[in-house]
Amino acid sequence: MMLRIGSGALQADLLPYGAALHQLWVGDHQVVAGLPDPAAYHAGRGYHGAVVGPVANRISGAQAMIGDQLWRFDPNEGTTLLHGGEIGLHGRDWTVVDQGAAHVTFALDLAHCEGGFPGQRRIEARYLVDGQTLRLDLVATTDRPTLMNLSSHVYWNLTGRDNLDGHRLRIAADRLTPVDARLCPTGPPVAVTSEMDLREARLLDDGPRYDHNFCLSDAREALRPVAWLSAPDAPKMELATTEPGLQVYDGGPSMFGIALEPQCWPDAPNRPDFFPVLLTPEDGPLVQATEWRFTLPKRA
């Protein structure tokens, strides 16, 4: 089943499987590097367009303390847990609980220990189109202490081609988390330098490979713009989020799209110096908000 929401120049196709953004049209421009058809999302682990979690990114050693108990998870990347494991949020059928012409809300209920994490949890993905902006609110509650760090794993390609030629990316971050060969943090954030400095827009087809967390802030903040993506003769995109980190992943060798994943920093459950991803019943609903704001190219 595919659902379409839209308003004016912005039209989004969404899937209950993974609460995924399949396609996004900005005027005549298709800007999401999705899979060919909805059935293809069941076949792979590319996380295309999906909501990922319950803990996005990596947990080193596939284990973490929650309260005074050590929880062990089934690793799915060597010894590491990535995006909640093989049966993460990306690989589940969500329920449509609210839908209108310009909005849809998907919901997923997880039992205690389902997916390896404690707590009876309810997670909602609320998509809304408003003018030339697509907003996603990721909302979570739990009945006992658990870990929660959600993100959207959309691959962006503003030109609709099969590569990122001509794309420029700018990120308002002066630090990133250094990582080892497992792509797990090795210590506190370090200053961005050389090719990893994206404070000025940089060509993506003329630089290093990206699978790095850029540190936007030390904690969640009010919704604010943090990243800008552009390409010749294509819509421009501004990404705003409440989250303290932005994982940038170039999609692997083919570089067909760029994933910009707003989230808390990787391996936070094992790093007491990082902003925590612990969610308790007393915290009330966790809300992680992201907006993608588009500007159509000027006509010649």
Protein backbone atom coordinates (compact mmCIF):
# COMPACT_ATOMS: atom_id res chain seq x y z
CA MET A 1 0.00 0.00 0.00
CA MET A 2 1.29 3.43 -0.91
CA LEU A 3 -0.10 6.69 0.48
CA ARG A 4 0.20 10.09 -1.15
CA ILE A 5 0.03 13.37 0.74
CA GLY A 6 0.67 16.80 -0.68
CA SER A 7 -0.02 20.47 -0.93
CA GLY A 8 0.65 22.49 -4.05
CA ALA A 9 4.14 21.89 -5.40
CA LEU A 10 5.06 19.22 -2.84
CA GLN A 11 3.77 15.65 -3.17
CA ALA A 12 5.03 12.75 -1.03
CA ASP A 13 4.53 9.01 -1.48
CA LEU A 14 4.80 7.06 1.78
CA LEU A 15 4.81 3.38 2.72
CA PRO A 16 3.61 1.72 5.94
CA TYR A 17 6.58 -0.66 5.66
CA GLY A 18 9.25 1.13 7.65
CA ALA A 19 7.06 4.28 7.72
CA ALA A 20 9.20 5.10 4.70
CA LEU A 21 9.33 8.10 2.41
CA HIS A 22 9.31 6.44 -1.02
CA GLN A 23 9.21 9.47 -3.31
CA LEU A 24 9.01 13.23 -2.95
CA TRP A 25 8.11 15.52 -5.81
CA VAL A 26 9.01 19.21 -5.68
CA GLY A 27 7.23 20.62 -8.70
CA ASP A 28 8.43 18.42 -11.56
CA HIS A 29 11.54 17.28 -9.68
CA GLN A 30 11.81 13.89 -7.93
CA VAL A 31 14.31 14.44 -5.10
CA VAL A 32 14.36 11.11 -3.20
CA ALA A 33 16.56 8.22 -4.35
CA GLY A 34 14.01 5.54 -3.50
CA LEU A 35 13.70 1.98 -4.68
CA PRO A 36 11.92 1.12 -7.96
CA ASP A 37 8.64 -0.02 -6.41
CA PRO A 38 7.15 -0.63 -2.95
CA ALA A 39 7.83 -4.39 -3.10
CA ALA A 40 11.57 -3.78 -3.37
CA TYR A 41 11.72 -2.37 0.17
CA HIS A 42 11.09 -5.84 1.61
CA ALA A 43 14.08 -7.33 -0.20
CA GLY A 44 17.08 -5.36 1.08
CA ARG A 45 18.71 -3.71 4.11
CA GLY A 46 19.51 -0.33 2.61
CA TYR A 47 17.10 1.45 5.00
CA HIS A 48 15.80 3.43 2.01
CA GLY A 49 13.53 6.22 3.26
CA ALA A 50 12.69 4.35 6.46
CA VAL A 51 12.43 5.40 10.07
CA VAL A 52 15.30 3.65 11.87
CA GLY A 53 15.64 2.67 15.51
CA PRO A 54 14.77 2.14 18.30
CA VAL A 55 18.39 3.30 18.49
CA ALA A 56 19.60 4.77 15.22
CA ASN A 57 23.26 4.42 14.28
CA ARG A 58 25.68 2.15 16.16
CA ILE A 59 25.94 0.61 19.62
CA SER A 60 29.44 -0.77 20.12
CA GLY A 61 29.68 -4.35 21.32
CA ALA A 62 25.90 -4.67 20.82
CA GLN A 63 25.37 -4.02 24.52
CA ALA A 64 24.54 -1.18 26.88
CA MET A 65 23.64 -0.49 30.48
CA ILE A 66 20.04 0.56 31.14
CA GLY A 67 19.77 1.47 34.78
CA ASP A 68 21.74 -1.16 36.72
CA GLN A 69 21.25 -3.94 34.14
CA LEU A 70 23.43 -4.82 31.17
CA TRP A 71 21.36 -5.47 28.06
CA ARG A 72 22.85 -7.51 25.22
CA PHE A 73 21.54 -7.30 21.66
CA ASP A 74 21.96 -9.41 18.54
CA PRO A 75 24.68 -7.68 16.47
CA ASN A 76 24.00 -7.14 12.79
CA GLU A 77 27.26 -5.47 11.73
CA GLY A 78 30.15 -7.58 12.99
CA THR A 79 30.08 -7.09 16.77
CA THR A 80 28.04 -3.90 16.47
CA LEU A 81 24.32 -3.18 16.60
CA LEU A 82 23.28 -0.90 13.73
CA HIS A 83 19.90 0.87 13.50
CA GLY A 84 18.22 -1.40 16.04
CA GLY A 85 19.29 -4.69 14.49
CA GLU A 86 17.94 -6.91 11.76
CA ILE A 87 14.40 -6.49 13.06
CA GLY A 88 14.54 -2.75 13.57
CA LEU A 89 11.79 -0.25 12.86
CA HIS A 90 12.77 -0.18 9.18
CA GLY A 91 11.64 -3.77 8.64
CA ARG A 92 8.18 -3.61 10.20
CA ASP A 93 4.72 -2.83 8.93
CA TRP A 94 3.42 0.26 10.69
CA THR A 95 -0.27 1.04 11.16
CA VAL A 96 -1.90 4.11 9.63
CA VAL A 97 -3.71 5.81 12.52
CA ASP A 98 -4.47 9.20 10.96
CA GLN A 99 -4.55 10.45 7.39
CA GLY A 100 -5.59 13.55 5.51
CA ALA A 101 -4.82 15.27 2.23
CA ALA A 102 -1.55 16.74 3.55
CA HIS A 103 -0.66 14.50 6.50
CA VAL A 104 -0.37 10.91 7.65
CA THR A 105 0.57 9.31 10.97
CA PHE A 106 2.04 5.83 11.21
CA ALA A 107 2.22 4.01 14.56
CA LEU A 108 4.09 0.99 15.84
CA ASP A 109 3.61 -0.74 19.20
CA LEU A 110 6.53 -2.76 20.57
CA ALA A 111 6.19 -5.23 23.45
CA HIS A 112 8.63 -5.40 26.34
CA CYS A 113 11.91 -6.92 25.06
CA GLU A 114 10.68 -6.97 21.46
CA GLY A 115 13.67 -6.18 19.30
CA GLY A 116 15.88 -6.68 22.35
CA PHE A 117 15.02 -3.45 24.18
CA PRO A 118 12.99 -3.07 27.38
CA GLY A 119 9.62 -1.40 27.72
CA GLN A 120 6.25 -1.46 26.09
CA ARG A 121 6.80 1.31 23.59
CA ARG A 122 4.66 3.23 21.15
CA ILE A 123 6.34 5.06 18.29
CA GLU A 124 4.62 7.38 15.86
CA ALA A 125 5.90 8.90 12.63
CA ARG A 126 3.85 11.98 11.76
CA TYR A 127 4.42 13.37 8.25
CA LEU A 128 2.99 16.76 7.25
CA VAL A 129 3.26 18.74 4.02
CA ASP A 130 2.93 22.50 4.46
CA GLY A 131 3.63 24.55 1.34
CA GLN A 132 7.10 23.54 0.17
CA THR A 133 8.06 21.96 3.50
CA LEU A 134 7.84 18.31 4.56
CA ARG A 135 7.88 17.84 8.33
CA LEU A 136 8.41 14.61 10.26
CA ASP A 137 7.75 14.33 13.98
CA LEU A 138 9.00 11.11 15.53
CA VAL A 139 7.20 10.58 18.84
CA ALA A 140 7.90 7.84 21.39
CA THR A 141 6.63 6.75 24.81
CA THR A 142 7.56 3.85 27.09
CA ASP A 143 6.29 2.23 30.29
CA ARG A 144 9.79 1.60 31.68
CA PRO A 145 13.31 2.94 31.11
CA THR A 146 14.58 2.16 27.63
CA LEU A 147 16.83 3.53 24.91
CA MET A 148 15.34 5.65 22.15
CA ASN A 149 17.09 7.51 19.34
CA LEU A 150 15.04 7.65 16.15
CA SER A 151 15.98 8.95 12.73
CA SER A 152 14.87 9.16 9.11
CA HIS A 153 17.11 7.39 6.58
CA VAL A 154 16.12 9.07 3.32
CA TYR A 155 18.63 9.14 0.46
CA TRP A 156 18.45 12.53 -1.26
CA ASN A 157 19.27 13.16 -4.92
CA LEU A 158 17.99 16.48 -6.16
CA THR A 159 18.60 15.84 -9.86
CA GLY A 160 16.91 12.45 -10.23
CA ARG A 161 20.05 11.01 -11.83
CA ASP A 162 21.94 7.92 -10.63
CA ASN A 163 24.82 9.87 -9.08
CA LEU A 164 25.52 12.94 -6.94
CA ASP A 165 27.44 14.89 -9.59
CA GLY A 166 27.08 18.61 -8.99
CA HIS A 167 25.56 18.28 -5.51
CA ARG A 168 26.89 20.64 -2.87
CA LEU A 169 26.41 20.11 0.86
CA ARG A 170 26.83 22.59 3.70
CA ILE A 171 26.48 21.68 7.39
CA ALA A 172 26.51 24.04 10.37
CA ALA A 173 28.88 21.89 12.41
CA ASP A 174 32.42 22.63 13.55
CA ARG A 175 32.93 19.19 15.16
CA LEU A 176 32.43 15.52 14.38
CA THR A 177 32.81 12.27 16.30
CA PRO A 178 36.03 10.40 15.42
CA VAL A 179 35.47 6.72 14.67
CA ASP A 180 37.41 3.48 14.41
CA ALA A 181 37.25 0.83 11.70
CA ARG A 182 33.86 -0.29 13.08
CA LEU A 183 32.57 3.30 12.64
CA CYS A 184 32.07 3.54 16.42
CA PRO A 185 33.24 6.67 18.28
CA THR A 186 36.73 6.55 19.75
CA GLY A 187 36.43 9.62 21.95
CA PRO A 188 34.90 13.08 22.32
CA PRO A 189 34.17 15.25 19.28
CA VAL A 190 37.06 16.77 17.36
CA ALA A 191 37.22 19.83 15.14
CA VAL A 192 36.31 19.36 11.49
CA THR A 193 39.34 19.80 9.28
CA SER A 194 40.22 19.71 5.61
CA GLU A 195 37.72 17.70 3.55
CA MET A 196 35.48 17.07 6.58
CA ASP A 197 34.86 20.79 7.03
CA LEU A 198 31.47 21.38 5.44
CA ARG A 199 30.78 24.79 6.96
CA GLU A 200 31.15 26.10 3.42
CA ALA A 201 29.28 24.23 0.68
CA ARG A 202 31.38 21.43 -0.78
CA LEU A 203 30.96 19.28 -3.89
CA LEU A 204 30.05 15.73 -2.91
CA ASP A 205 31.55 14.21 -6.05
CA ASP A 206 34.94 15.79 -5.31
CA GLY A 207 35.74 14.74 -1.77
CA PRO A 208 36.05 11.90 0.75
CA ARG A 209 33.58 9.15 1.48
CA TYR A 210 31.11 10.09 4.19
CA ASP A 211 29.74 7.94 7.01
CA HIS A 212 30.25 10.39 9.86
CA ASN A 213 28.28 12.07 12.62
CA PHE A 214 28.54 15.84 12.51
CA CYS A 215 27.97 17.45 15.92
CA LEU A 216 25.37 20.22 15.63
CA SER A 217 25.07 20.84 19.38
CA ASP A 218 25.64 19.09 22.71
CA ALA A 219 21.93 18.50 23.35
CA ARG A 220 18.55 18.78 21.64
CA GLU A 221 17.57 22.33 20.75
CA ALA A 222 14.61 24.13 19.25
CA LEU A 223 14.04 23.40 15.58
CA ARG A 224 16.75 25.18 13.59
CA PRO A 225 18.30 24.90 10.10
CA VAL A 226 21.51 22.83 10.11
CA ALA A 227 22.20 21.62 6.55
CA TRP A 228 21.77 22.78 2.97
CA LEU A 229 21.87 20.66 -0.20
CA SER A 230 21.88 22.02 -3.76
CA ALA A 231 22.56 20.98 -7.35
CA PRO A 232 22.39 22.81 -10.70
CA ASP A 233 18.88 23.30 -12.12
CA ALA A 234 17.34 21.46 -9.17
CA PRO A 235 15.39 22.42 -6.05
CA LYS A 236 17.43 23.55 -3.08
CA MET A 237 16.87 21.82 0.24
CA GLU A 238 17.29 23.19 3.75
CA LEU A 239 17.18 20.66 6.58
CA ALA A 240 16.08 21.81 10.04
CA THR A 241 16.00 19.59 13.11
CA THR A 242 15.87 19.47 16.89
CA GLU A 243 18.58 16.82 17.09
CA PRO A 244 22.21 17.30 18.21
CA GLY A 245 23.77 15.19 15.44
CA LEU A 246 23.56 14.63 11.71
CA GLN A 247 24.89 11.36 10.32
CA VAL A 248 26.02 11.88 6.73
CA TYR A 249 26.25 8.74 4.60
CA ASP A 250 26.98 8.79 0.88
CA GLY A 251 25.31 5.49 0.09
CA GLY A 252 28.41 3.44 -0.62
CA PRO A 253 30.51 3.08 -3.80
CA SER A 254 27.77 4.07 -6.25
CA MET A 255 26.98 7.35 -4.45
CA PHE A 256 23.42 7.31 -5.78
CA GLY A 257 22.13 9.52 -2.97
CA ILE A 258 23.16 11.20 0.24
CA ALA A 259 21.56 10.19 3.55
CA LEU A 260 21.29 13.03 6.07
CA GLU A 261 20.10 11.42 9.30
CA PRO A 262 19.17 13.76 12.20
CA GLN A 263 19.72 11.93 15.48
CA CYS A 264 21.64 11.81 18.74
CA TRP A 265 25.30 10.91 18.54
CA PRO A 266 26.30 7.27 17.84
CA ASP A 267 27.00 4.87 20.72
CA ALA A 268 25.57 7.36 23.22
CA PRO A 269 24.41 4.51 25.55
CA ASN A 270 28.08 3.61 26.09
CA ARG A 271 29.40 7.18 26.20
CA PRO A 272 28.46 9.01 29.44
CA ASP A 273 29.99 12.18 27.97
CA PHE A 274 27.43 12.19 25.12
CA PHE A 275 23.85 13.47 25.33
CA PRO A 276 21.87 10.50 26.68
CA VAL A 277 19.27 8.55 24.73
CA LEU A 278 17.58 7.10 27.82
CA LEU A 279 13.79 7.46 27.75
CA THR A 280 11.70 6.90 30.89
CA PRO A 281 7.94 7.05 31.52
CA GLU A 282 8.46 10.22 33.55
CA ASP A 283 9.98 11.98 30.54
CA GLY A 284 6.64 11.97 28.74
CA PRO A 285 6.58 11.74 24.95
CA LEU A 286 9.91 12.11 23.21
CA VAL A 287 9.51 14.29 20.10
CA GLN A 288 12.25 14.46 17.48
CA ALA A 289 11.30 16.96 14.77
CA THR A 290 12.79 17.44 11.32
CA GLU A 291 11.76 19.67 8.43
CA TRP A 292 12.93 19.53 4.82
CA ARG A 293 12.33 22.93 3.20
CA PHE A 294 12.54 23.26 -0.56
CA THR A 295 13.01 26.14 -2.98
CA LEU A 296 12.25 25.56 -6.65
CA PRO A 297 14.92 26.58 -9.19
CA LYS A 298 14.35 29.85 -10.98
CA ARG A 299 13.11 29.51 -14.53
CA ALA A 300 15.45 30.75 -17.25
